[in-house]
Amino acid sequence: MRKKEARYDVVAWGEGFLRLSPAGRERFEQAGGFGVAVAGGALETAVGLARLGLRTAWLSVVGDTPLGMKLVNKVREHGVDTEHVVRIPDGRTGLCYTESGSAPRPTRSWYDMGDTAFRSTPPGTEDWSATRETAVFHLDLTAPMADSANAGRLEAALETARATDSRVSILLDLPGGERLDGAVEKTVRDLVETAGILMVTMRALETIWGFDGPLASAADTARTGFGAKNLAVVEHRLPASGAGTLCGIAVSPSGEVFEDRKTGITAIDSDGVPGAFAAGYLLGCLEDCPRSALRYGNAAAALACSIPGPLNWFTRRDLESQIEGTGSGLQR
């Protein structure tokens, strides 16, 4: 339920960066130029929620430079409060180089995040006071957040999550099923314990908790391993070309299980899928029930696939038309 007395519905924490991509589906070595897009799981979720009508804020650290301000200005443009974004003079902005795939070549990304403002400043730099003014404190644990360079910052986030009276929400994914640094994995597990809302991908479930089985059987693992949470397990690995499927299960705190899938999805750009799913799922958790949350999440993820760039440009009307079955190309 949304808290009318809270200043925000959701405060999202995580690093922002710039994504550089060659035009079309060129490779970098053949490209003569590239497009620049604002990216980062937390800000993508905050933008998605703001466009759906919720009161959101982005909690982060950026460089007080033209590149850092590009992140802040784009997020603010969509209605997200950036008051709690700390600006560091001459701080570096991270970069992600992405080549869009075309079968048989997959989409590939390379991150250049060394010594960014977010990573190089002390963990206490954030304005954590925002977590006392929100109904939900959302943490982005997608690439490249779950990195050993962020170990201290993740510990500070854990301390804040344990101290806040807000509901803690986590989106957890691992790039390519990579193993985590030991200390980071322990902190991630501890963060998951604090969460009342957890969204986890199949590849993260396989890598961290050793799950081995189909999505349908993940509910039992979720019920026994994560306790009473609003939980979603999703499988969003889409092909480089052709139609794919977005599928997931949701488990309510009482143990009820729901399943939802969206078929026939052709991804123009899948980078914004995790953040979009989190926006839709959190909307459902705040306004309805776990089943609706899953359907909102998958519909939002499908819409994110339909446009280039990581940011979520869908509206509340777009989302509801997919849920009602009136949107193009999606099935109930």
Protein backbone atom coordinates (compact mmCIF):
# COMPACT_ATOMS: atom_id res chain seq x y z
CA MET A 1 0.00 0.00 0.00
CA ARG A 2 1.15 3.54 -0.74
CA LYS A 3 1.76 5.81 2.27
CA LYS A 4 0.12 9.17 1.78
CA GLU A 5 2.11 10.60 4.67
CA ALA A 6 5.44 9.65 3.03
CA ARG A 7 7.16 12.16 0.78
CA TYR A 8 7.95 9.50 -1.81
CA ASP A 9 6.43 6.22 -2.92
CA VAL A 10 9.83 4.84 -3.98
CA VAL A 11 13.42 5.97 -3.49
CA ALA A 12 15.76 4.05 -5.82
CA TRP A 13 19.48 3.66 -5.04
CA GLY A 14 22.18 2.83 -7.56
CA GLU A 15 24.77 4.16 -10.00
CA GLY A 16 23.99 5.92 -13.26
CA PHE A 17 26.23 5.85 -16.33
CA LEU A 18 26.24 6.60 -20.05
CA ARG A 19 25.72 3.91 -22.68
CA LEU A 20 27.56 4.34 -25.98
CA SER A 21 26.27 2.35 -28.97
CA PRO A 22 27.13 2.32 -32.70
CA ALA A 23 24.32 3.25 -35.07
CA GLY A 24 22.15 0.37 -36.26
CA ARG A 25 23.78 -2.96 -35.49
CA GLU A 26 27.32 -2.03 -36.42
CA ARG A 27 30.32 -3.24 -34.44
CA PHE A 28 32.53 -0.65 -32.75
CA GLU A 29 35.49 -1.37 -35.04
CA GLN A 30 33.42 -0.45 -38.11
CA ALA A 31 31.43 2.44 -36.60
CA GLY A 32 32.14 6.06 -37.41
CA GLY A 33 30.12 7.37 -34.47
CA PHE A 34 27.77 6.28 -31.74
CA GLY A 35 24.68 7.28 -29.82
CA VAL A 36 24.74 8.25 -26.14
CA ALA A 37 22.00 7.15 -23.73
CA VAL A 38 21.48 7.60 -19.99
CA ALA A 39 21.45 4.23 -18.20
CA GLY A 40 21.55 2.53 -14.79
CA GLY A 41 19.05 0.17 -13.17
CA ALA A 42 18.01 2.45 -10.30
CA LEU A 43 17.40 5.53 -12.39
CA GLU A 44 15.60 3.44 -15.05
CA THR A 45 13.21 2.12 -12.38
CA ALA A 46 12.73 5.58 -10.87
CA VAL A 47 11.92 7.05 -14.31
CA GLY A 48 9.50 4.21 -15.08
CA LEU A 49 7.66 4.71 -11.80
CA ALA A 50 7.51 8.49 -12.23
CA ARG A 51 5.98 8.05 -15.68
CA LEU A 52 3.41 5.73 -14.09
CA GLY A 53 2.38 8.49 -11.69
CA LEU A 54 4.31 7.61 -8.53
CA ARG A 55 6.41 9.98 -6.43
CA THR A 56 10.02 8.89 -6.88
CA ALA A 57 13.54 9.98 -6.06
CA TRP A 58 16.94 8.81 -7.26
CA LEU A 59 19.59 8.32 -4.57
CA SER A 60 23.12 8.28 -5.98
CA VAL A 61 26.51 9.97 -6.36
CA VAL A 62 27.55 11.59 -9.66
CA GLY A 63 30.33 13.78 -10.96
CA ASP A 64 29.65 17.51 -10.94
CA THR A 65 30.61 17.68 -14.61
CA PRO A 66 28.66 18.02 -17.88
CA LEU A 67 28.48 14.21 -18.14
CA GLY A 68 27.24 13.82 -14.56
CA MET A 69 24.71 16.58 -15.06
CA LYS A 70 23.47 14.83 -18.22
CA LEU A 71 22.40 11.94 -15.98
CA VAL A 72 20.73 14.21 -13.42
CA ASN A 73 18.98 16.40 -15.97
CA LYS A 74 17.55 13.47 -17.95
CA VAL A 75 16.17 11.82 -14.80
CA ARG A 76 14.68 15.10 -13.58
CA GLU A 77 13.11 15.63 -17.01
CA HIS A 78 10.89 12.60 -16.35
CA GLY A 79 9.69 13.86 -12.97
CA VAL A 80 12.13 12.10 -10.64
CA ASP A 81 13.35 14.08 -7.64
CA THR A 82 17.16 14.45 -7.79
CA GLU A 83 17.52 16.42 -4.56
CA HIS A 84 19.32 13.50 -2.93
CA VAL A 85 21.88 12.98 -5.71
CA VAL A 86 25.29 14.02 -4.34
CA ARG A 87 27.52 15.85 -6.82
CA ILE A 88 31.31 15.38 -6.65
CA PRO A 89 33.52 18.06 -8.27
CA ASP A 90 35.39 16.59 -11.26
CA GLY A 91 33.98 13.14 -10.48
CA ARG A 92 34.11 10.62 -13.30
CA THR A 93 30.99 9.24 -15.03
CA GLY A 94 30.99 5.53 -15.91
CA LEU A 95 30.60 4.28 -19.46
CA CYS A 96 29.06 1.19 -21.01
CA TYR A 97 29.89 0.23 -24.58
CA THR A 98 27.09 -1.85 -26.14
CA GLU A 99 26.94 -3.57 -29.51
CA SER A 100 23.42 -4.61 -30.48
CA GLY A 101 23.40 -8.20 -31.66
CA SER A 102 21.84 -9.81 -34.71
CA ALA A 103 21.70 -13.60 -34.80
CA PRO A 104 23.97 -15.46 -34.62
CA ARG A 105 25.91 -12.61 -32.93
CA PRO A 106 24.59 -11.76 -29.43
CA THR A 107 24.37 -8.31 -27.89
CA ARG A 108 27.55 -7.55 -25.97
CA SER A 109 28.43 -4.89 -23.40
CA TRP A 110 31.71 -3.74 -21.90
CA TYR A 111 31.75 -1.59 -18.74
CA ASP A 112 34.31 1.12 -18.01
CA MET A 113 33.44 1.99 -14.42
CA GLY A 114 36.85 2.44 -12.79
CA ASP A 115 37.17 5.34 -10.34
CA THR A 116 33.73 6.77 -11.02
CA ALA A 117 32.35 9.34 -8.59
CA PHE A 118 29.99 6.67 -7.22
CA ARG A 119 32.77 4.15 -6.58
CA SER A 120 35.67 6.37 -5.51
CA THR A 121 33.97 8.40 -2.77
CA PRO A 122 33.53 7.09 0.82
CA PRO A 123 30.42 4.90 1.42
CA GLY A 124 28.98 7.54 3.75
CA THR A 125 28.76 10.06 0.92
CA GLU A 126 25.12 9.30 0.05
CA ASP A 127 22.25 11.32 1.45
CA TRP A 128 20.63 8.31 3.14
CA SER A 129 18.02 10.59 4.79
CA ALA A 130 15.83 10.00 1.73
CA THR A 131 15.17 6.44 2.94
CA ARG A 132 13.27 7.84 5.94
CA GLU A 133 10.86 9.71 3.66
CA THR A 134 9.61 6.90 1.45
CA ALA A 135 7.23 3.95 1.48
CA VAL A 136 9.75 1.77 -0.41
CA PHE A 137 13.55 1.87 -0.47
CA HIS A 138 14.58 0.15 -3.72
CA LEU A 139 18.13 -1.12 -4.29
CA ASP A 140 19.47 -1.92 -7.74
CA LEU A 141 21.77 -4.97 -7.63
CA THR A 142 22.21 -5.46 -11.37
CA ALA A 143 25.36 -5.09 -13.44
CA PRO A 144 27.62 -3.35 -12.65
CA MET A 145 26.44 -2.73 -9.05
CA ALA A 146 27.33 -6.18 -7.66
CA ASP A 147 31.04 -5.59 -8.16
CA SER A 148 33.90 -5.94 -5.66
CA ALA A 149 34.69 -2.24 -6.17
CA ASN A 150 31.30 -1.49 -4.57
CA ALA A 151 31.81 -3.73 -1.52
CA GLY A 152 31.97 -0.87 0.98
CA ARG A 153 29.05 0.95 -0.61
CA LEU A 154 26.93 -2.21 -0.50
CA GLU A 155 27.75 -2.58 3.20
CA ALA A 156 26.56 0.98 3.81
CA ALA A 157 23.37 0.21 1.90
CA LEU A 158 22.86 -2.90 4.05
CA GLU A 159 23.24 -0.86 7.24
CA THR A 160 20.70 1.64 5.94
CA ALA A 161 18.28 -1.09 4.84
CA ARG A 162 18.40 -2.65 8.30
CA ALA A 163 17.76 0.70 9.98
CA THR A 164 14.94 2.05 7.80
CA ASP A 165 11.25 1.69 8.59
CA SER A 166 10.50 1.67 4.86
CA ARG A 167 9.85 -1.55 2.94
CA VAL A 168 13.06 -2.68 1.27
CA SER A 169 12.90 -3.72 -2.38
CA ILE A 170 15.72 -5.41 -4.32
CA LEU A 171 16.23 -6.17 -8.01
CA LEU A 172 18.97 -8.81 -8.30
CA ASP A 173 20.60 -9.94 -11.52
CA LEU A 174 24.05 -11.18 -12.54
CA PRO A 175 25.59 -10.63 -15.98
CA GLY A 176 26.13 -13.94 -17.72
CA GLY A 177 25.85 -15.92 -14.49
CA GLU A 178 29.17 -14.58 -13.18
CA ARG A 179 30.25 -15.56 -9.67
CA LEU A 180 30.34 -12.77 -7.11
CA ASP A 181 33.28 -11.79 -4.96
CA GLY A 182 32.94 -13.63 -1.61
CA ALA A 183 32.42 -10.52 0.51
CA VAL A 184 29.97 -9.04 -1.99
CA GLU A 185 27.98 -12.28 -2.15
CA LYS A 186 27.62 -12.32 1.64
CA THR A 187 26.39 -8.72 1.64
CA VAL A 188 23.97 -9.47 -1.19
CA ARG A 189 22.57 -12.44 0.76
CA ASP A 190 22.20 -10.23 3.85
CA LEU A 191 20.46 -7.55 1.80
CA VAL A 192 18.04 -10.14 0.44
CA GLU A 193 17.14 -11.08 4.03
CA THR A 194 16.14 -7.46 4.75
CA ALA A 195 13.90 -7.20 1.69
CA GLY A 196 10.14 -7.34 1.81
CA ILE A 197 10.04 -7.18 -1.99
CA LEU A 198 12.50 -9.24 -4.05
CA MET A 199 12.84 -9.52 -7.82
CA VAL A 200 15.47 -12.04 -8.92
CA THR A 201 16.44 -13.44 -12.31
CA MET A 202 16.85 -17.15 -12.95
CA ARG A 203 20.55 -16.73 -13.64
CA ALA A 204 21.07 -15.03 -10.25
CA LEU A 205 19.08 -17.81 -8.55
CA GLU A 206 21.26 -20.40 -10.28
CA THR A 207 24.56 -18.66 -9.52
CA ILE A 208 24.09 -17.57 -5.90
CA TRP A 209 21.72 -20.22 -4.55
CA GLY A 210 22.63 -23.14 -6.81
CA PHE A 211 19.14 -23.54 -8.20
CA ASP A 212 18.97 -26.13 -10.99
CA GLY A 213 15.60 -26.58 -12.62
CA PRO A 214 12.86 -24.94 -14.70
CA LEU A 215 11.13 -21.70 -13.78
CA ALA A 216 8.00 -23.58 -12.71
CA SER A 217 9.87 -25.32 -9.89
CA ALA A 218 11.57 -22.13 -8.65
CA ALA A 219 8.54 -21.37 -6.45
CA ASP A 220 9.46 -24.12 -3.99
CA THR A 221 13.02 -22.82 -3.74
CA ALA A 222 11.68 -19.30 -3.25
CA ARG A 223 9.25 -20.30 -0.50
CA THR A 224 11.85 -22.24 1.48
CA GLY A 225 14.83 -19.98 0.85
CA PHE A 226 13.50 -16.45 1.09
CA GLY A 227 10.74 -16.48 3.69
CA ALA A 228 7.61 -14.33 3.60
CA LYS A 229 8.23 -11.76 0.85
CA ASN A 230 6.57 -10.38 -2.23
CA LEU A 231 8.82 -12.31 -4.59
CA ALA A 232 9.19 -12.53 -8.36
CA VAL A 233 11.50 -14.90 -10.25
CA VAL A 234 11.85 -13.94 -13.91
CA GLU A 235 13.39 -15.33 -17.07
CA HIS A 236 14.04 -12.47 -19.47
CA ARG A 237 16.77 -13.80 -21.76
CA LEU A 238 15.65 -12.68 -25.22
CA PRO A 239 17.12 -13.76 -28.58
CA ALA A 240 19.17 -11.35 -30.69
CA SER A 241 16.55 -11.64 -33.43
CA GLY A 242 13.12 -13.20 -33.77
CA ALA A 243 10.35 -13.44 -31.20
CA GLY A 244 11.04 -14.31 -27.57
CA THR A 245 9.13 -14.78 -24.32
CA LEU A 246 9.13 -12.89 -21.03
CA CYS A 247 8.03 -15.18 -18.24
CA GLY A 248 7.99 -15.16 -14.47
CA ILE A 249 6.43 -16.44 -11.30
CA ALA A 250 5.34 -14.47 -8.25
CA VAL A 251 5.05 -15.78 -4.71
CA SER A 252 2.98 -13.86 -2.16
CA PRO A 253 4.03 -13.59 1.51
CA SER A 254 1.36 -16.21 2.29
CA GLY A 255 2.86 -18.64 -0.23
CA GLU A 256 0.41 -18.27 -3.14
CA VAL A 257 2.07 -18.78 -6.54
CA PHE A 258 1.18 -16.99 -9.78
CA GLU A 259 2.65 -17.32 -13.27
CA ASP A 260 2.62 -14.93 -16.20
CA ARG A 261 4.23 -14.88 -19.63
CA LYS A 262 4.31 -12.52 -22.59
CA THR A 263 5.02 -14.20 -25.92
CA GLY A 264 5.93 -12.92 -29.37
CA ILE A 265 8.30 -10.26 -28.01
CA THR A 266 10.72 -8.85 -30.60
CA ALA A 267 13.33 -6.82 -28.77
CA ILE A 268 14.49 -3.62 -30.43
CA ASP A 269 16.59 -2.96 -27.32
CA SER A 270 16.51 -5.15 -24.20
CA ASP A 271 18.79 -3.05 -21.96
CA GLY A 272 15.89 -1.41 -20.14
CA VAL A 273 14.03 -4.66 -19.38
CA PRO A 274 15.14 -5.24 -15.73
CA GLY A 275 14.48 -1.65 -14.65
CA ALA A 276 11.13 -1.61 -16.45
CA PHE A 277 10.05 -4.87 -14.84
CA ALA A 278 10.95 -3.48 -11.42
CA ALA A 279 8.86 -0.35 -12.08
CA GLY A 280 5.80 -2.35 -13.09
CA TYR A 281 6.18 -4.88 -10.30
CA LEU A 282 6.58 -2.19 -7.62
CA LEU A 283 3.51 -0.39 -8.95
CA GLY A 284 1.52 -3.60 -8.52
CA CYS A 285 2.91 -4.22 -5.03
CA LEU A 286 1.98 -0.71 -3.91
CA GLU A 287 -1.47 -0.56 -5.48
CA ASP A 288 -2.77 -4.10 -5.87
CA CYS A 289 -1.55 -7.68 -5.30
CA PRO A 290 1.34 -10.03 -6.23
CA ARG A 291 -0.49 -11.40 -9.25
CA SER A 292 -1.14 -7.94 -10.63
CA ALA A 293 2.43 -6.94 -9.79
CA LEU A 294 3.82 -9.75 -11.93
CA ARG A 295 1.53 -8.90 -14.83
CA TYR A 296 2.43 -5.20 -14.59
CA GLY A 297 6.12 -6.10 -14.42
CA ASN A 298 6.07 -8.30 -17.50
CA ALA A 299 3.94 -5.83 -19.45
CA ALA A 300 6.36 -3.01 -18.58
CA ALA A 301 9.33 -5.17 -19.60
CA ALA A 302 7.68 -5.98 -22.92
CA LEU A 303 7.01 -2.31 -23.59
CA ALA A 304 10.65 -1.49 -22.78
CA CYS A 305 11.74 -3.91 -25.51
CA SER A 306 9.77 -1.98 -28.12
CA ILE A 307 11.87 1.20 -28.13
CA PRO A 308 15.61 1.94 -28.37
CA GLY A 309 17.51 3.00 -25.27
CA PRO A 310 17.50 1.89 -21.62
CA LEU A 311 15.00 4.47 -20.30
CA ASN A 312 11.33 3.55 -19.98
CA TRP A 313 9.08 5.84 -22.04
CA PHE A 314 5.80 4.00 -21.45
CA THR A 315 2.80 5.63 -19.78
CA ARG A 316 0.19 4.33 -17.36
CA ARG A 317 -2.25 4.05 -20.26
CA ASP A 318 0.28 2.00 -22.29
CA LEU A 319 0.74 -0.38 -19.39
CA GLU A 320 -2.93 -0.82 -18.65
CA SER A 321 -3.74 -1.49 -22.32
CA GLN A 322 -1.34 -4.44 -22.23
CA ILE A 323 -2.86 -5.77 -19.02
CA GLU A 324 -6.35 -5.48 -20.52
CA GLY A 325 -5.23 -7.27 -23.68
CA THR A 326 -5.87 -4.33 -26.01
CA GLY A 327 -2.21 -3.51 -26.71
CA SER A 328 -0.56 -4.66 -29.92
CA GLY A 329 1.51 -7.83 -29.96
CA LEU A 330 1.13 -8.95 -26.35
CA GLN A 331 -0.96 -11.79 -25.05
CA ARG A 332 -2.75 -12.06 -21.74
